C-alpha atoms as a PDB file:
ATOM      1  CA  UNK A   1      99.765 138.240  86.895  1.00  0.00           C
ATOM      2  CA  UNK A   2     100.175 139.930  83.249  1.00  0.00           C
ATOM      3  CA  UNK A   3     102.078 138.035  80.590  1.00  0.00           C
ATOM      4  CA  UNK A   4     102.935 139.405  76.932  1.00  0.00           C
ATOM      5  CA  UNK A   5     103.784 136.932  74.159  1.00  0.00           C
ATOM      6  CA  UNK A   6     104.443 137.809  70.611  1.00  0.00           C
ATOM      7  CA  UNK A   7     105.542 135.626  68.164  1.00  0.00           C
ATOM      8  CA  UNK A   8     108.882 135.918  67.379  1.00  0.00           C
ATOM      9  CA  UNK A   9     109.741 138.444  70.148  1.00  0.00           C
ATOM     10  CA  UNK A  10     109.649 138.886  73.687  1.00  0.00           C
ATOM     11  CA  UNK A  11     107.877 136.384  76.667  1.00  0.00           C
ATOM     12  CA  UNK A  12     107.395 138.307  79.589  1.00  0.00           C
ATOM     13  CA  UNK A  13     105.657 137.814  83.121  1.00  0.00           C
ATOM     14  CA  UNK A  14     104.322 140.643  85.295  1.00  0.00           C
ATOM     15  CA  UNK A  15     103.930 138.882  88.572  1.00  0.00           C
ATOM     16  CA  UNK A  16     102.503 139.551  92.652  1.00  0.00           C
ATOM     17  CA  UNK A  17     102.177 136.964  94.816  1.00  0.00           C
ATOM     18  CA  UNK A  18     101.743 137.211  98.739  1.00  0.00           C
ATOM     19  CA  UNK A  19     104.621 135.190 100.590  1.00  0.00           C
ATOM     20  CA  UNK A  20     103.800 135.201 104.295  1.00  0.00           C
ATOM     21  CA  UNK A  21     101.698 137.830 104.111  1.00  0.00           C
ATOM     22  CA  UNK A  22     104.218 139.730 102.051  1.00  0.00           C
ATOM     23  CA  UNK A  23     103.448 141.140  98.522  1.00  0.00           C
ATOM     24  CA  UNK A  24     106.713 140.186  96.412  1.00  0.00           C
ATOM     25  CA  UNK A  25     106.394 141.581  92.437  1.00  0.00           C
ATOM     26  CA  UNK A  26     108.935 140.204  90.129  1.00  0.00           C
ATOM     27  CA  UNK A  27     109.283 140.542  85.908  1.00  0.00           C
ATOM     28  CA  UNK A  28     110.847 137.602  83.833  1.00  0.00           C
ATOM     29  CA  UNK A  29     111.471 137.048  80.244  1.00  0.00           C
ATOM     30  CA  UNK A  30     111.322 134.051  79.051  1.00  0.00           C
ATOM     31  CA  UNK A  31     111.854 131.721  75.604  1.00  0.00           C
ATOM     32  CA  UNK A  32     108.111 131.272  76.026  1.00  0.00           C
ATOM     33  CA  UNK A  33     105.124 132.302  78.285  1.00  0.00           C
ATOM     34  CA  UNK A  34     105.187 129.343  80.289  1.00  0.00           C
ATOM     35  CA  UNK A  35     109.287 129.359  80.664  1.00  0.00           C
ATOM     36  CA  UNK A  36     108.294 133.479  81.700  1.00  0.00           C
ATOM     37  CA  UNK A  37     105.865 132.053  84.168  1.00  0.00           C
ATOM     38  CA  UNK A  38     107.543 129.691  86.237  1.00  0.00           C
ATOM     39  CA  UNK A  39     111.006 131.305  86.079  1.00  0.00           C
ATOM     40  CA  UNK A  40     108.888 134.469  87.495  1.00  0.00           C
ATOM     41  CA  UNK A  41     107.859 132.179  90.099  1.00  0.00           C
ATOM     42  CA  UNK A  42     111.057 130.881  90.763  1.00  0.00           C
ATOM     43  CA  UNK A  43     112.330 134.308  91.322  1.00  0.00           C
ATOM     44  CA  UNK A  44     109.299 135.696  93.767  1.00  0.00           C
ATOM     45  CA  UNK A  45     109.698 132.807  96.035  1.00  0.00           C
ATOM     46  CA  UNK A  46     114.056 132.756  96.102  1.00  0.00           C
ATOM     47  CA  UNK A  47     114.081 128.869  95.056  1.00  0.00           C
ATOM     48  CA  UNK A  48     114.749 126.899  92.095  1.00  0.00           C
ATOM     49  CA  UNK A  49     113.081 123.417  92.282  1.00  0.00           C
ATOM     50  CA  UNK A  50     113.516 121.350  88.836  1.00  0.00           C
ATOM     51  CA  UNK A  51     110.676 120.841  86.635  1.00  0.00           C
ATOM     52  CA  UNK A  52     110.311 117.381  86.244  1.00  0.00           C
ATOM     53  CA  UNK A  53     106.980 117.267  84.612  1.00  0.00           C
ATOM     54  CA  UNK A  54     104.362 119.635  82.720  1.00  0.00           C
ATOM     55  CA  UNK A  55     101.257 119.025  81.219  1.00  0.00           C
ATOM     56  CA  UNK A  56      98.051 120.154  80.161  1.00  0.00           C
ATOM     57  CA  UNK A  57      95.167 118.619  79.205  1.00  0.00           C
ATOM     58  CA  UNK A  58      92.013 120.054  78.082  1.00  0.00           C
ATOM     59  CA  UNK A  59      88.741 119.074  80.400  1.00  0.00           C
ATOM     60  CA  UNK A  60      85.995 120.136  78.066  1.00  0.00           C
ATOM     61  CA  UNK A  61      85.713 120.620  74.742  1.00  0.00           C
ATOM     62  CA  UNK A  62      85.580 124.072  72.486  1.00  0.00           C
ATOM     63  CA  UNK A  63      87.470 127.254  73.037  1.00  0.00           C
ATOM     64  CA  UNK A  64      86.432 127.856  76.163  1.00  0.00           C
ATOM     65  CA  UNK A  65      87.413 124.361  77.744  1.00  0.00           C
ATOM     66  CA  UNK A  66      88.732 123.937  81.251  1.00  0.00           C
ATOM     67  CA  UNK A  67      92.633 123.268  80.843  1.00  0.00           C
ATOM     68  CA  UNK A  68      93.936 120.968  83.335  1.00  0.00           C
ATOM     69  CA  UNK A  69      97.601 121.661  84.220  1.00  0.00           C
ATOM     70  CA  UNK A  70     100.082 119.008  85.882  1.00  0.00           C
ATOM     71  CA  UNK A  71     103.369 120.013  87.456  1.00  0.00           C
ATOM     72  CA  UNK A  72     105.847 117.517  89.231  1.00  0.00           C
ATOM     73  CA  UNK A  73     109.043 119.389  90.972  1.00  0.00           C
ATOM     74  CA  UNK A  74     111.742 118.136  92.453  1.00  0.00           C
ATOM     75  CA  UNK A  75     114.374 119.968  95.142  1.00  0.00           C
ATOM     76  CA  UNK A  76     116.560 118.117  97.120  1.00  0.00           C
ATOM     77  CA  UNK A  77     115.542 115.091  96.521  1.00  0.00           C
ATOM     78  CA  UNK A  78     112.228 114.879  96.957  1.00  0.00           C
ATOM     79  CA  UNK A  79     109.083 115.040  94.112  1.00  0.00           C
ATOM     80  CA  UNK A  80     105.751 116.778  94.222  1.00  0.00           C
ATOM     81  CA  UNK A  81     102.975 117.217  92.051  1.00  0.00           C
ATOM     82  CA  UNK A  82     100.216 120.316  91.654  1.00  0.00           C
ATOM     83  CA  UNK A  83      97.625 120.571  89.673  1.00  0.00           C
ATOM     84  CA  UNK A  84      94.580 123.319  88.899  1.00  0.00           C
ATOM     85  CA  UNK A  85      92.362 123.724  86.231  1.00  0.00           C
ATOM     86  CA  UNK A  86      91.185 127.015  84.798  1.00  0.00           C
ATOM     87  CA  UNK A  87      89.434 128.061  81.621  1.00  0.00           C
ATOM     88  CA  UNK A  88      92.749 129.951  80.803  1.00  0.00           C
ATOM     89  CA  UNK A  89      95.725 127.658  80.524  1.00  0.00           C
ATOM     90  CA  UNK A  90      98.465 130.115  81.662  1.00  0.00           C
ATOM     91  CA  UNK A  91      96.480 130.922  84.684  1.00  0.00           C
ATOM     92  CA  UNK A  92      96.209 126.909  85.272  1.00  0.00           C
ATOM     93  CA  UNK A  93      99.936 126.466  84.553  1.00  0.00           C
ATOM     94  CA  UNK A  94     100.731 129.351  87.421  1.00  0.00           C
ATOM     95  CA  UNK A  95      98.680 127.854  89.772  1.00  0.00           C
ATOM     96  CA  UNK A  96      99.942 124.277  89.383  1.00  0.00           C
ATOM     97  CA  UNK A  97     103.307 125.328  89.612  1.00  0.00           C
ATOM     98  CA  UNK A  98     102.311 127.225  92.850  1.00  0.00           C
ATOM     99  CA  UNK A  99     100.648 124.120  93.903  1.00  0.00           C
ATOM    100  CA  UNK A 100     103.429 122.132  93.480  1.00  0.00           C
ATOM    101  CA  UNK A 101     105.537 124.602  95.405  1.00  0.00           C
ATOM    102  CA  UNK A 102     103.779 124.748  98.408  1.00  0.00           C
ATOM    103  CA  UNK A 103     103.915 121.038  98.856  1.00  0.00           C
ATOM    104  CA  UNK A 104     107.454 121.554  98.878  1.00  0.00           C
ATOM    105  CA  UNK A 105     107.293 123.801 101.921  1.00  0.00           C
ATOM    106  CA  UNK A 106     104.563 122.211 103.672  1.00  0.00           C
ATOM    107  CA  UNK A 107     106.697 118.884 103.668  1.00  0.00           C
ATOM    108  CA  UNK A 108     109.800 120.484 104.535  1.00  0.00           C
ATOM    109  CA  UNK A 109     107.858 121.886 107.958  1.00  0.00           C
ATOM    110  CA  UNK A 110     107.467 125.506 106.578  1.00  0.00           C
ATOM    111  CA  UNK A 111     104.679 127.790 106.974  1.00  0.00           C
ATOM    112  CA  UNK A 112     101.622 126.251 105.549  1.00  0.00           C
ATOM    113  CA  UNK A 113     100.384 129.487 103.551  1.00  0.00           C
ATOM    114  CA  UNK A 114     103.758 129.789 101.577  1.00  0.00           C
ATOM    115  CA  UNK A 115     102.993 131.346  98.200  1.00  0.00           C
ATOM    116  CA  UNK A 116      99.502 132.040  97.003  1.00  0.00           C
ATOM    117  CA  UNK A 117      98.645 134.061  93.745  1.00  0.00           C
ATOM    118  CA  UNK A 118      97.376 137.451  94.535  1.00  0.00           C
END
């Protein structure tokens, strides 16, 4: 994943996911970095779940703090949650979104492999 952000400019995410063993590369521009990331993931997986909740917490203090991201998605009446902790807030956000999305796949009986960050 590569994210480009510019104050007053374009926010872009270039992302490659491995979906059921096949790589899918996408690029998406958004209103902010997280918007670009989440929309790139939706484009790569071909689904449009509704984002119910997105939250970031600092696990530790300081500039090198671990960020804990929480994502809740709704799709076809089912709600799932995903979490991830990383030193990079944007990576934590992407992993939490993928974690929630994979839960949607598993709950509907799809491939347990689903979408994994590559």
